[in-house]
């Protein structure tokens, strides 16, 4: 699947980036990190605009993240409890919950940066668990900005070494 998505970049770059990053924030298993790195490298060689790659990835991240939070606020914990029983996703949901219990709202920032596999689940748990929307947003948006700049920046910096 990753190869198929990456093959779309030369023709549909920013649209693919927007869709993939948004889907990843909603817990759909797509290669968002690989795509942002690759988009950064396309920007380095002039095939995409660096500023547009950064803006597109950040906007997709923030909008989908907010949508996931609000969806979880509306649906509550029941869907998450079902996911926690899953063999494949359950460990990530439990790790996300432990991260939230240990670090509170700082876990949102951490999940949006260093612990990115937990990001959508921390977001869902934050929404379902009643974390205040303003508090969530206050740490989620800077986390999304750090992740976006780091991934795109690494792709840009190491463009000559990516295949």
N, C-alpha and C. Protein backbone atom coordinates (compact mmCIF):
# COMPACT_ATOMS: atom_id res chain seq x y z
N UNK A 1 0.82 -1.19 0.00
CA UNK A 1 0.00 0.00 0.00
C UNK A 1 0.87 1.26 0.00
N UNK A 2 1.96 1.24 0.73
CA UNK A 2 2.83 2.42 0.80
C UNK A 2 3.34 2.80 -0.58
N UNK A 3 3.77 1.81 -1.36
CA UNK A 3 4.27 2.10 -2.71
C UNK A 3 3.20 2.74 -3.59
N UNK A 4 1.97 2.25 -3.46
CA UNK A 4 0.86 2.80 -4.24
C UNK A 4 0.62 4.26 -3.88
N UNK A 5 0.60 4.54 -2.59
CA UNK A 5 0.36 5.92 -2.14
C UNK A 5 1.50 6.83 -2.58
N UNK A 6 2.74 6.36 -2.43
CA UNK A 6 3.89 7.19 -2.83
C UNK A 6 3.90 7.45 -4.33
N UNK A 7 3.41 6.49 -5.11
CA UNK A 7 3.37 6.67 -6.56
C UNK A 7 2.40 7.79 -6.97
N UNK A 8 1.45 8.13 -6.10
CA UNK A 8 0.49 9.18 -6.40
C UNK A 8 1.06 10.59 -6.17
N UNK A 9 2.15 10.70 -5.45
CA UNK A 9 2.70 12.01 -5.07
C UNK A 9 3.05 12.89 -6.27
N UNK A 10 3.74 12.39 -7.30
CA UNK A 10 4.07 13.30 -8.40
C UNK A 10 2.86 13.95 -9.07
N UNK A 11 1.74 13.23 -9.13
CA UNK A 11 0.55 13.77 -9.81
C UNK A 11 -0.42 14.49 -8.87
N UNK A 12 -0.57 13.97 -7.67
CA UNK A 12 -1.60 14.48 -6.76
C UNK A 12 -1.03 14.89 -5.41
N UNK A 13 0.24 15.23 -5.33
CA UNK A 13 0.98 15.50 -4.11
C UNK A 13 0.23 15.99 -2.89
N UNK A 14 -0.22 17.23 -2.92
CA UNK A 14 -0.81 17.83 -1.73
C UNK A 14 -2.15 17.22 -1.36
N UNK A 15 -2.92 16.80 -2.35
CA UNK A 15 -4.22 16.18 -2.07
C UNK A 15 -4.01 14.83 -1.37
N UNK A 16 -3.06 14.05 -1.86
CA UNK A 16 -2.74 12.76 -1.23
C UNK A 16 -2.23 13.00 0.18
N UNK A 17 -1.34 13.96 0.35
CA UNK A 17 -0.81 14.29 1.67
C UNK A 17 -1.93 14.66 2.63
N UNK A 18 -2.83 15.51 2.20
CA UNK A 18 -3.96 15.93 3.04
C UNK A 18 -4.79 14.72 3.46
N UNK A 19 -5.14 13.89 2.53
CA UNK A 19 -6.00 12.73 2.82
C UNK A 19 -5.32 11.72 3.73
N UNK A 20 -4.06 11.40 3.44
CA UNK A 20 -3.36 10.39 4.22
C UNK A 20 -3.11 10.86 5.65
N UNK A 21 -2.67 12.08 5.83
CA UNK A 21 -2.44 12.59 7.19
C UNK A 21 -3.75 12.63 7.97
N UNK A 22 -4.82 13.08 7.33
CA UNK A 22 -6.12 13.13 8.01
C UNK A 22 -6.59 11.73 8.39
N UNK A 23 -6.46 10.78 7.49
CA UNK A 23 -6.88 9.41 7.80
C UNK A 23 -6.06 8.82 8.94
N UNK A 24 -4.76 9.09 8.96
CA UNK A 24 -3.90 8.59 10.03
C UNK A 24 -4.34 9.14 11.38
N UNK A 25 -4.76 10.40 11.41
CA UNK A 25 -5.23 11.00 12.66
C UNK A 25 -6.54 10.38 13.15
N UNK A 26 -7.24 9.75 12.24
CA UNK A 26 -8.50 9.07 12.60
C UNK A 26 -8.27 7.59 12.88
N UNK A 27 -7.02 7.16 12.95
CA UNK A 27 -6.61 5.79 13.28
C UNK A 27 -6.73 4.82 12.12
N UNK A 28 -6.79 5.33 10.90
CA UNK A 28 -6.75 4.46 9.73
C UNK A 28 -5.27 4.14 9.48
N UNK A 29 -4.91 2.87 9.34
CA UNK A 29 -3.48 2.52 9.19
C UNK A 29 -2.93 2.84 7.80
N UNK A 30 -2.48 4.07 7.64
CA UNK A 30 -1.86 4.54 6.40
C UNK A 30 -0.49 5.13 6.76
N UNK A 31 0.43 5.18 5.81
CA UNK A 31 1.81 5.61 6.11
C UNK A 31 2.01 7.13 6.12
N UNK A 32 1.43 7.80 7.08
CA UNK A 32 1.51 9.26 7.13
C UNK A 32 2.95 9.76 7.33
N UNK A 33 3.70 9.12 8.21
CA UNK A 33 5.07 9.57 8.45
C UNK A 33 5.94 9.40 7.22
N UNK A 34 5.81 8.26 6.57
CA UNK A 34 6.58 8.03 5.35
C UNK A 34 6.20 9.06 4.29
N UNK A 35 4.93 9.35 4.19
CA UNK A 35 4.46 10.29 3.18
C UNK A 35 4.93 11.72 3.47
N UNK A 36 4.92 12.13 4.73
CA UNK A 36 5.39 13.48 5.03
C UNK A 36 6.90 13.60 4.79
N UNK A 37 7.65 12.55 5.14
CA UNK A 37 9.09 12.54 4.83
C UNK A 37 9.31 12.65 3.32
N UNK A 38 8.57 11.85 2.58
CA UNK A 38 8.71 11.86 1.13
C UNK A 38 8.29 13.20 0.54
N UNK A 39 7.23 13.78 1.06
CA UNK A 39 6.79 15.09 0.57
C UNK A 39 7.86 16.14 0.83
N UNK A 40 8.52 16.05 1.99
CA UNK A 40 9.63 16.96 2.27
C UNK A 40 10.75 16.81 1.27
N UNK A 41 11.03 15.57 0.87
CA UNK A 41 12.09 15.37 -0.12
C UNK A 41 11.68 15.86 -1.50
N UNK A 42 10.39 15.72 -1.84
CA UNK A 42 9.90 16.28 -3.10
C UNK A 42 10.02 17.81 -3.09
N UNK A 43 9.80 18.40 -1.93
CA UNK A 43 9.95 19.85 -1.81
C UNK A 43 11.42 20.26 -1.98
N UNK A 44 12.32 19.45 -1.46
CA UNK A 44 13.74 19.77 -1.55
C UNK A 44 14.23 19.80 -3.00
N UNK A 45 13.65 18.96 -3.84
CA UNK A 45 14.08 18.93 -5.25
C UNK A 45 13.22 19.82 -6.13
N UNK A 46 12.26 20.53 -5.53
CA UNK A 46 11.47 21.49 -6.27
C UNK A 46 10.19 20.97 -6.89
N UNK A 47 9.84 19.71 -6.64
CA UNK A 47 8.60 19.16 -7.20
C UNK A 47 7.35 19.62 -6.44
N UNK A 48 7.52 19.96 -5.18
CA UNK A 48 6.43 20.50 -4.36
C UNK A 48 6.96 21.73 -3.63
N UNK A 49 6.06 22.59 -3.24
CA UNK A 49 6.42 23.78 -2.46
C UNK A 49 6.56 23.40 -0.99
N UNK A 50 7.70 23.73 -0.38
CA UNK A 50 7.92 23.39 1.03
C UNK A 50 6.84 24.02 1.91
N UNK A 51 6.53 25.28 1.70
CA UNK A 51 5.52 25.93 2.55
C UNK A 51 4.16 25.26 2.38
N UNK A 52 3.81 24.87 1.16
CA UNK A 52 2.50 24.21 0.94
C UNK A 52 2.47 22.81 1.56
N UNK A 53 3.58 22.11 1.53
CA UNK A 53 3.65 20.78 2.17
C UNK A 53 3.45 20.94 3.67
N UNK A 54 4.16 21.91 4.27
CA UNK A 54 4.02 22.14 5.71
C UNK A 54 2.59 22.54 6.08
N UNK A 55 2.03 23.46 5.34
CA UNK A 55 0.67 23.93 5.64
C UNK A 55 -0.34 22.81 5.44
N UNK A 56 -0.23 22.07 4.36
CA UNK A 56 -1.19 21.00 4.07
C UNK A 56 -1.14 19.92 5.15
N UNK A 57 0.05 19.49 5.51
CA UNK A 57 0.17 18.44 6.53
C UNK A 57 -0.35 18.93 7.87
N UNK A 58 -0.02 20.16 8.25
CA UNK A 58 -0.48 20.69 9.53
C UNK A 58 -1.99 20.87 9.56
N UNK A 59 -2.55 21.41 8.51
CA UNK A 59 -4.01 21.61 8.46
C UNK A 59 -4.74 20.26 8.52
N UNK A 60 -4.25 19.28 7.77
CA UNK A 60 -4.87 17.96 7.79
C UNK A 60 -4.80 17.36 9.19
N UNK A 61 -3.64 17.47 9.83
CA UNK A 61 -3.45 16.92 11.17
C UNK A 61 -4.41 17.59 12.16
N UNK A 62 -4.42 18.90 12.18
CA UNK A 62 -5.23 19.63 13.16
C UNK A 62 -6.73 19.39 12.94
N UNK A 63 -7.18 19.47 11.70
CA UNK A 63 -8.62 19.28 11.44
C UNK A 63 -9.09 17.87 11.76
N UNK A 64 -8.33 16.87 11.34
CA UNK A 64 -8.74 15.48 11.63
C UNK A 64 -8.62 15.18 13.11
N UNK A 65 -7.61 15.72 13.76
CA UNK A 65 -7.43 15.53 15.20
C UNK A 65 -8.61 16.12 15.97
N UNK A 66 -9.02 17.31 15.58
CA UNK A 66 -10.18 17.94 16.22
C UNK A 66 -11.46 17.13 15.96
N UNK A 67 -11.60 16.63 14.73
CA UNK A 67 -12.77 15.81 14.39
C UNK A 67 -12.79 14.54 15.24
N UNK A 68 -11.63 13.90 15.41
CA UNK A 68 -11.56 12.68 16.23
C UNK A 68 -11.92 12.98 17.68
N UNK A 69 -11.42 14.08 18.20
CA UNK A 69 -11.73 14.47 19.58
C UNK A 69 -13.23 14.67 19.75
N UNK A 70 -13.84 15.42 18.85
CA UNK A 70 -15.27 15.72 18.95
C UNK A 70 -16.12 14.48 18.71
N UNK A 71 -15.69 13.60 17.82
CA UNK A 71 -16.40 12.35 17.60
C UNK A 71 -16.38 11.49 18.85
N UNK A 72 -15.23 11.40 19.48
CA UNK A 72 -15.12 10.62 20.72
C UNK A 72 -15.94 11.25 21.84
N UNK A 73 -15.98 12.57 21.88
CA UNK A 73 -16.79 13.25 22.89
C UNK A 73 -18.26 12.85 22.74
N UNK A 74 -18.70 12.73 21.47
CA UNK A 74 -20.09 12.40 21.17
C UNK A 74 -20.40 10.92 21.42
N UNK A 75 -19.48 10.03 21.03
CA UNK A 75 -19.73 8.59 21.12
C UNK A 75 -19.40 7.98 22.47
N UNK A 76 -18.52 8.62 23.23
CA UNK A 76 -18.14 8.11 24.54
C UNK A 76 -17.11 7.01 24.45
N UNK A 77 -16.98 6.25 25.53
CA UNK A 77 -15.92 5.25 25.66
C UNK A 77 -16.25 3.88 25.07
N UNK A 78 -17.50 3.62 24.78
CA UNK A 78 -17.89 2.28 24.33
C UNK A 78 -17.09 1.78 23.13
N UNK A 79 -16.93 2.57 22.05
CA UNK A 79 -16.13 2.07 20.92
C UNK A 79 -14.68 1.79 21.30
N UNK A 80 -14.12 2.59 22.21
CA UNK A 80 -12.74 2.39 22.64
C UNK A 80 -12.59 1.12 23.46
N UNK A 81 -13.60 0.82 24.26
CA UNK A 81 -13.55 -0.40 25.04
C UNK A 81 -13.56 -1.63 24.14
N UNK A 82 -14.33 -1.57 23.05
CA UNK A 82 -14.33 -2.66 22.08
C UNK A 82 -12.97 -2.78 21.40
N UNK A 83 -12.37 -1.65 21.05
CA UNK A 83 -11.04 -1.67 20.44
C UNK A 83 -9.99 -2.22 21.39
N UNK A 84 -10.11 -1.90 22.66
CA UNK A 84 -9.14 -2.36 23.66
C UNK A 84 -9.14 -3.88 23.78
N UNK A 85 -10.22 -4.53 23.39
CA UNK A 85 -10.30 -5.99 23.44
C UNK A 85 -9.66 -6.64 22.22
N UNK A 86 -9.39 -5.87 21.20
CA UNK A 86 -8.81 -6.38 19.96
C UNK A 86 -7.35 -6.80 20.19
N UNK A 87 -6.95 -7.90 19.58
CA UNK A 87 -5.56 -8.35 19.71
C UNK A 87 -4.60 -7.41 18.99
N UNK A 88 -5.04 -6.86 17.88
CA UNK A 88 -4.15 -6.02 17.07
C UNK A 88 -4.05 -4.59 17.60
N UNK A 89 -5.16 -3.99 17.93
CA UNK A 89 -5.19 -2.58 18.34
C UNK A 89 -5.21 -2.43 19.86
N UNK A 90 -5.65 -3.44 20.54
CA UNK A 90 -5.78 -3.37 22.00
C UNK A 90 -4.54 -2.90 22.73
N UNK A 91 -3.35 -3.44 22.42
CA UNK A 91 -2.14 -2.97 23.13
C UNK A 91 -1.87 -1.48 22.94
N UNK A 92 -2.15 -0.96 21.76
CA UNK A 92 -1.93 0.48 21.52
C UNK A 92 -2.92 1.31 22.31
N UNK A 93 -4.18 0.87 22.37
CA UNK A 93 -5.19 1.59 23.14
C UNK A 93 -4.82 1.58 24.61
N UNK A 94 -4.39 0.44 25.13
CA UNK A 94 -4.00 0.36 26.55
C UNK A 94 -2.76 1.21 26.83
N UNK A 95 -1.79 1.21 25.91
CA UNK A 95 -0.60 2.06 26.07
C UNK A 95 -0.99 3.53 26.05
N UNK A 96 -1.93 3.88 25.20
CA UNK A 96 -2.40 5.27 25.11
C UNK A 96 -3.09 5.68 26.40
N UNK A 97 -3.90 4.78 26.93
CA UNK A 97 -4.60 5.09 28.18
C UNK A 97 -3.60 5.25 29.32
N UNK A 98 -2.59 4.40 29.37
CA UNK A 98 -1.57 4.51 30.42
C UNK A 98 -0.80 5.83 30.28
N UNK A 99 -0.51 6.21 29.05
CA UNK A 99 0.18 7.48 28.80
C UNK A 99 -0.65 8.65 29.32
N UNK A 100 -1.94 8.62 29.04
CA UNK A 100 -2.84 9.69 29.53
C UNK A 100 -2.92 9.70 31.04
N UNK A 101 -3.03 8.54 31.65
CA UNK A 101 -3.13 8.49 33.11
C UNK A 101 -1.85 8.97 33.77
N UNK A 102 -0.72 8.65 33.17
CA UNK A 102 0.57 9.02 33.75
C UNK A 102 0.90 10.50 33.56
N UNK A 103 0.55 11.05 32.38
CA UNK A 103 1.03 12.40 32.06
C UNK A 103 -0.08 13.43 31.86
N UNK A 104 -1.33 13.04 31.94
CA UNK A 104 -2.43 13.99 31.75
C UNK A 104 -2.41 14.62 30.37
N UNK A 105 -2.70 15.90 30.30
CA UNK A 105 -2.77 16.56 29.00
C UNK A 105 -1.41 16.63 28.30
N UNK A 106 -0.32 16.50 29.04
CA UNK A 106 1.00 16.45 28.40
C UNK A 106 1.12 15.22 27.51
N UNK A 107 0.35 14.19 27.81
CA UNK A 107 0.34 12.98 26.97
C UNK A 107 -0.15 13.30 25.57
N UNK A 108 -1.02 14.27 25.45
CA UNK A 108 -1.51 14.66 24.13
C UNK A 108 -0.33 15.21 23.31
N UNK A 109 0.45 16.09 23.90
CA UNK A 109 1.62 16.62 23.20
C UNK A 109 2.60 15.50 22.87
N UNK A 110 2.88 14.63 23.83
CA UNK A 110 3.83 13.54 23.60
C UNK A 110 3.34 12.60 22.50
N UNK A 111 2.05 12.30 22.49
CA UNK A 111 1.52 11.39 21.48
C UNK A 111 1.53 12.02 20.09
N UNK A 112 1.48 13.32 20.04
CA UNK A 112 1.49 14.01 18.76
C UNK A 112 2.91 14.22 18.24
N UNK A 113 3.90 13.91 19.07
CA UNK A 113 5.28 14.11 18.65
C UNK A 113 6.06 12.80 18.72
N UNK A 114 6.54 12.43 19.89
CA UNK A 114 7.43 11.27 20.04
C UNK A 114 6.71 9.93 19.99
N UNK A 115 5.53 9.84 20.50
CA UNK A 115 4.80 8.57 20.56
C UNK A 115 3.67 8.57 19.54
N UNK A 116 3.99 8.90 18.30
CA UNK A 116 2.95 9.12 17.28
C UNK A 116 2.04 7.92 17.00
N UNK A 117 2.45 6.67 17.18
CA UNK A 117 1.48 5.58 16.97
C UNK A 117 0.29 5.64 17.93
N UNK A 118 0.49 6.27 19.07
CA UNK A 118 -0.61 6.37 20.03
C UNK A 118 -1.50 7.58 19.79
N UNK A 119 -1.11 8.46 18.88
CA UNK A 119 -1.78 9.74 18.70
C UNK A 119 -3.30 9.65 18.54
N UNK A 120 -3.82 8.88 17.56
CA UNK A 120 -5.27 8.89 17.41
C UNK A 120 -6.00 8.34 18.63
N UNK A 121 -5.39 7.37 19.29
CA UNK A 121 -6.05 6.76 20.44
C UNK A 121 -6.03 7.68 21.65
N UNK A 122 -4.93 8.42 21.83
CA UNK A 122 -4.89 9.42 22.90
C UNK A 122 -5.93 10.49 22.62
N UNK A 123 -6.08 10.86 21.37
CA UNK A 123 -7.08 11.86 20.99
C UNK A 123 -8.48 11.35 21.31
N UNK A 124 -8.78 10.13 20.87
CA UNK A 124 -10.10 9.54 21.15
C UNK A 124 -10.34 9.42 22.66
N UNK A 125 -9.34 8.95 23.38
CA UNK A 125 -9.48 8.81 24.83
C UNK A 125 -9.66 10.16 25.51
N UNK A 126 -8.99 11.19 25.01
CA UNK A 126 -9.14 12.53 25.57
C UNK A 126 -10.55 13.05 25.37
N UNK A 127 -11.09 12.84 24.18
CA UNK A 127 -12.45 13.28 23.89
C UNK A 127 -13.48 12.51 24.69
N UNK A 128 -13.31 11.20 24.73
CA UNK A 128 -14.27 10.35 25.44
C UNK A 128 -14.14 10.51 26.95
N UNK A 129 -12.93 10.84 27.41
CA UNK A 129 -12.69 10.94 28.84
C UNK A 129 -13.03 12.28 29.44
N UNK A 130 -13.44 13.23 28.61
CA UNK A 130 -13.88 14.50 29.14
C UNK A 130 -12.81 15.55 29.31
N UNK A 131 -11.63 15.36 28.71
CA UNK A 131 -10.62 16.42 28.76
C UNK A 131 -11.22 17.66 28.11
N UNK A 132 -11.05 18.79 28.71
CA UNK A 132 -11.60 20.03 28.17
C UNK A 132 -11.06 20.28 26.77
N UNK A 133 -11.94 20.68 25.85
CA UNK A 133 -11.55 20.88 24.46
C UNK A 133 -10.43 21.92 24.34
N UNK A 134 -10.54 23.02 25.07
CA UNK A 134 -9.52 24.09 25.00
C UNK A 134 -8.18 23.57 25.48
N UNK A 135 -8.18 22.80 26.54
CA UNK A 135 -6.93 22.25 27.08
C UNK A 135 -6.32 21.26 26.08
N UNK A 136 -7.16 20.42 25.49
CA UNK A 136 -6.71 19.48 24.47
C UNK A 136 -6.06 20.24 23.31
N UNK A 137 -6.76 21.23 22.80
CA UNK A 137 -6.29 21.98 21.64
C UNK A 137 -5.00 22.73 21.95
N UNK A 138 -4.88 23.24 23.16
CA UNK A 138 -3.70 24.00 23.57
C UNK A 138 -2.42 23.17 23.49
N UNK A 139 -2.52 21.86 23.69
CA UNK A 139 -1.32 21.02 23.59
C UNK A 139 -1.28 20.23 22.28
N UNK A 140 -2.44 19.97 21.68
CA UNK A 140 -2.49 19.17 20.45
C UNK A 140 -1.94 19.94 19.25
N UNK A 141 -2.28 21.20 19.11
CA UNK A 141 -1.84 21.96 17.94
C UNK A 141 -0.31 22.14 17.94
N UNK A 142 0.31 22.53 19.04
CA UNK A 142 1.78 22.60 19.01
C UNK A 142 2.42 21.22 18.75
N UNK A 143 1.83 20.16 19.29
CA UNK A 143 2.34 18.82 19.02
C UNK A 143 2.27 18.48 17.55
N UNK A 144 1.14 18.83 16.92
CA UNK A 144 0.98 18.59 15.49
C UNK A 144 2.00 19.40 14.69
N UNK A 145 2.26 20.61 15.13
CA UNK A 145 3.24 21.46 14.44
C UNK A 145 4.65 20.88 14.56
N UNK A 146 5.00 20.38 15.73
CA UNK A 146 6.33 19.78 15.92
C UNK A 146 6.47 18.55 15.03
N UNK A 147 5.45 17.67 15.03
CA UNK A 147 5.50 16.46 14.21
C UNK A 147 5.63 16.82 12.73
N UNK A 148 4.82 17.77 12.29
CA UNK A 148 4.82 18.16 10.88
C UNK A 148 6.18 18.72 10.48
N UNK A 149 6.69 19.66 11.25
CA UNK A 149 7.98 20.28 10.92
C UNK A 149 9.12 19.25 10.97
N UNK A 150 9.08 18.36 11.95
CA UNK A 150 10.13 17.35 12.07
C UNK A 150 10.12 16.39 10.88
N UNK A 151 8.96 15.84 10.57
CA UNK A 151 8.90 14.86 9.48
C UNK A 151 9.19 15.49 8.12
N UNK A 152 8.55 16.60 7.83
CA UNK A 152 8.79 17.26 6.55
C UNK A 152 10.24 17.76 6.49
N UNK A 153 10.71 18.33 7.59
CA UNK A 153 12.08 18.84 7.64
C UNK A 153 13.13 17.76 7.44
N UNK A 154 12.91 16.60 8.04
CA UNK A 154 13.85 15.48 7.85
C UNK A 154 13.85 15.04 6.39
N UNK A 155 12.68 14.94 5.80
CA UNK A 155 12.60 14.59 4.39
C UNK A 155 13.30 15.60 3.52
N UNK A 156 13.14 16.87 3.85
CA UNK A 156 13.78 17.95 3.10
C UNK A 156 15.30 17.87 3.25
N UNK A 157 15.75 17.70 4.49
CA UNK A 157 17.18 17.70 4.77
C UNK A 157 17.90 16.50 4.16
N UNK A 158 17.24 15.36 4.16
CA UNK A 158 17.89 14.14 3.69
C UNK A 158 17.34 13.67 2.35
N UNK A 159 16.86 14.59 1.55
CA UNK A 159 16.24 14.25 0.26
C UNK A 159 17.18 13.45 -0.64
N UNK A 160 18.44 13.76 -0.60
CA UNK A 160 19.38 13.07 -1.49
C UNK A 160 19.61 11.63 -1.06
N UNK A 161 19.22 11.30 0.17
CA UNK A 161 19.47 9.94 0.68
C UNK A 161 18.21 9.09 0.71
N UNK A 162 17.06 9.65 0.32
CA UNK A 162 15.82 8.88 0.25
C UNK A 162 15.66 8.34 -1.15
N UNK A 163 15.23 7.10 -1.25
CA UNK A 163 15.01 6.52 -2.57
C UNK A 163 13.59 6.76 -3.00
